[in-house]
């Protein structure tokens, strides 16, 4: 007399474990891989920070530009309006003069650079010798 067996066999159990391991690996790689969710979130966060910085620089440049009768931006005015827009707690940026009345604003934490021309137009600064 043969008994009826109920349940799963050892082979079925091992096959299920292998499938679960493969699914776990695929899920983990989709989250932490080079093109995963975490990488995309970090990239998006950095892009948002850069956009916010550029907006603050553009606002400060526009305010500084409006103060001068000739529409020229000075370093002192840029520092004044950047401090007003960013905050006075700690200096989170540096300003250096470039040729022909242009200024380069560098944010210390992100190391992002923006150039402001003498008319007050601001845009991301890309160094040529990088």
Protein backbone atom coordinates (compact mmCIF):
# COMPACT_ATOMS: atom_id res chain seq x y z
CA UNK A 1 0.00 0.00 0.00
CA UNK A 2 1.31 3.34 -1.07
CA UNK A 3 0.49 6.43 0.88
CA UNK A 4 -0.56 9.61 -0.82
CA UNK A 5 1.99 12.37 -0.32
CA UNK A 6 0.83 15.87 0.31
CA UNK A 7 2.99 18.97 0.10
CA UNK A 8 5.91 19.95 -2.08
CA UNK A 9 8.94 17.97 -3.03
CA UNK A 10 12.53 18.95 -2.27
CA UNK A 11 13.19 19.75 -5.94
CA UNK A 12 10.24 22.14 -6.05
CA UNK A 13 11.43 23.82 -2.85
CA UNK A 14 14.97 24.34 -4.23
CA UNK A 15 13.57 25.69 -7.52
CA UNK A 16 11.41 28.20 -5.62
CA UNK A 17 14.38 29.35 -3.53
CA UNK A 18 16.48 29.88 -6.68
CA UNK A 19 13.70 31.90 -8.31
CA UNK A 20 13.33 34.04 -5.16
CA UNK A 21 17.10 34.68 -5.06
CA UNK A 22 17.09 35.75 -8.71
CA UNK A 23 14.12 38.07 -8.13
CA UNK A 24 15.79 39.57 -5.05
CA UNK A 25 19.00 40.24 -6.99
CA UNK A 26 17.13 41.90 -9.85
CA UNK A 27 15.17 44.06 -7.39
CA UNK A 28 18.27 45.12 -5.48
CA UNK A 29 20.17 45.96 -8.68
CA UNK A 30 17.25 48.04 -9.96
CA UNK A 31 17.46 50.10 -6.77
CA UNK A 32 21.21 50.50 -6.19
CA UNK A 33 22.72 49.83 -9.59
CA UNK A 34 24.46 52.45 -11.77
CA UNK A 35 21.20 53.23 -13.51
CA UNK A 36 19.05 52.41 -10.51
CA UNK A 37 16.53 54.38 -8.53
CA UNK A 38 19.07 55.61 -5.98
CA UNK A 39 21.44 56.93 -8.67
CA UNK A 40 18.60 58.67 -10.47
CA UNK A 41 17.38 60.22 -7.21
CA UNK A 42 20.86 61.52 -6.39
CA UNK A 43 21.28 62.97 -9.89
CA UNK A 44 17.87 64.64 -9.69
CA UNK A 45 18.70 66.11 -6.27
CA UNK A 46 21.98 67.57 -7.57
CA UNK A 47 20.18 69.05 -10.59
CA UNK A 48 17.58 70.63 -8.30
CA UNK A 49 20.30 72.14 -6.08
CA UNK A 50 22.09 73.55 -9.15
CA UNK A 51 18.84 75.06 -10.46
CA UNK A 52 18.16 76.65 -7.07
CA UNK A 53 21.68 78.07 -6.90
CA UNK A 54 21.42 79.50 -10.42
CA UNK A 55 18.06 81.08 -9.59
CA UNK A 56 19.56 82.78 -6.52
CA UNK A 57 22.50 84.06 -8.57
CA UNK A 58 20.19 85.35 -11.31
CA UNK A 59 18.01 87.12 -8.74
CA UNK A 60 21.01 88.73 -7.05
CA UNK A 61 22.43 89.79 -10.43
CA UNK A 62 19.10 91.32 -11.48
CA UNK A 63 18.85 93.27 -8.22
CA UNK A 64 22.47 94.43 -8.47
CA UNK A 65 21.97 95.39 -12.11
CA UNK A 66 18.92 97.48 -11.22
CA UNK A 67 20.90 99.57 -8.73
CA UNK A 68 23.30 100.99 -11.29
CA UNK A 69 22.25 103.75 -13.68
CA UNK A 70 24.39 102.27 -16.45
CA UNK A 71 23.25 98.73 -15.77
CA UNK A 72 26.67 97.47 -14.67
CA UNK A 73 27.04 94.93 -11.88
CA UNK A 74 29.71 95.48 -9.21
CA UNK A 75 31.24 92.86 -6.95
CA UNK A 76 30.10 94.68 -3.81
CA UNK A 77 26.50 94.77 -5.00
CA UNK A 78 26.65 91.09 -5.97
CA UNK A 79 27.92 90.17 -2.50
CA UNK A 80 25.22 92.30 -0.90
CA UNK A 81 22.37 90.73 -2.85
CA UNK A 82 23.74 87.18 -2.69
CA UNK A 83 23.93 87.51 1.09
CA UNK A 84 20.37 88.85 1.07
CA UNK A 85 19.10 85.93 -1.06
CA UNK A 86 21.15 83.11 0.47
CA UNK A 87 21.42 84.20 4.07
CA UNK A 88 24.03 85.67 6.34
CA UNK A 89 24.61 82.71 8.67
CA UNK A 90 27.74 81.47 7.00
CA UNK A 91 29.26 82.40 3.69
CA UNK A 92 28.35 79.54 1.37
CA UNK A 93 29.84 81.07 -1.77
CA UNK A 94 32.83 82.96 -3.10
CA UNK A 95 32.95 85.69 -5.73
CA UNK A 96 35.97 86.30 -7.90
CA UNK A 97 36.41 88.91 -10.58
CA UNK A 98 36.95 87.74 -14.12
CA UNK A 99 37.92 89.79 -17.13
CA UNK A 100 35.75 92.61 -18.54
CA UNK A 101 33.55 93.15 -15.49
CA UNK A 102 32.38 89.55 -15.18
CA UNK A 103 32.26 87.66 -11.89
CA UNK A 104 32.39 83.98 -11.03
CA UNK A 105 30.26 82.82 -8.11
CA UNK A 106 31.34 79.47 -6.64
CA UNK A 107 29.15 77.67 -4.11
CA UNK A 108 31.39 76.05 -1.51
CA UNK A 109 29.33 72.93 -0.72
CA UNK A 110 28.52 71.86 -4.28
CA UNK A 111 31.50 73.48 -6.05
CA UNK A 112 29.08 74.65 -8.76
CA UNK A 113 30.23 77.79 -10.58
CA UNK A 114 28.18 80.48 -12.27
CA UNK A 115 29.37 83.44 -14.32
CA UNK A 116 27.73 86.85 -14.25
CA UNK A 117 28.58 89.25 -17.04
CA UNK A 118 28.64 93.01 -16.59
CA UNK A 119 25.04 93.28 -17.83
CA UNK A 120 23.87 90.97 -15.04
CA UNK A 121 23.21 87.84 -17.09
CA UNK A 122 24.03 84.69 -15.12
CA UNK A 123 24.65 81.18 -16.41
CA UNK A 124 26.58 78.06 -15.37
CA UNK A 125 30.33 78.51 -15.74
CA UNK A 126 32.28 75.81 -17.55
CA UNK A 127 36.03 76.03 -17.24
CA UNK A 128 37.84 75.62 -20.53
CA UNK A 129 40.90 73.82 -19.13
CA UNK A 130 39.09 71.02 -17.36
